[in-house]
Amino acid sequence: MNKLKVALVQGATCGLMLGAVLLVGTRMWRPPAAATRGTEAPTVDVVKARSYQLMDGTGRVRAALGILPDKSTGLVLFDETDVVRAVVGLEPDGSPGFQLFDADGIG
């Protein structure tokens, strides 16, 4: 993946974050623990979203999965300083892509 694609991935991450906040924010409320004791969490067969994010305990996005503006699909992994360290995905033509980056974000 070239540097333009990396810039797109980083820019798209902000959009992915907003989408995740809107998606998850409406589902954040849970009943008090006493109300759920002895009950099993509901299971769903399919979860659909335009993007997914994994966040650490401090609220930093550490991974993002979604569709990029160029219609490619990607999984982006960030380090603890918000630098993209790995990208794996499919290019718009369907060919696979994989790139690793150093601590400065250089691949």
Foldseek 3Di string as FASTA:
>chain_A
DDPVVVVQVLVVVVVQVVQQCVVCVVVPDDDPPVVCPPHDDDDDDDDDDQKDFDADPVGDTQWMWHQTPQRWTWIWGADPVRATAKIWTAHPVGHTDIDGADPVNHD
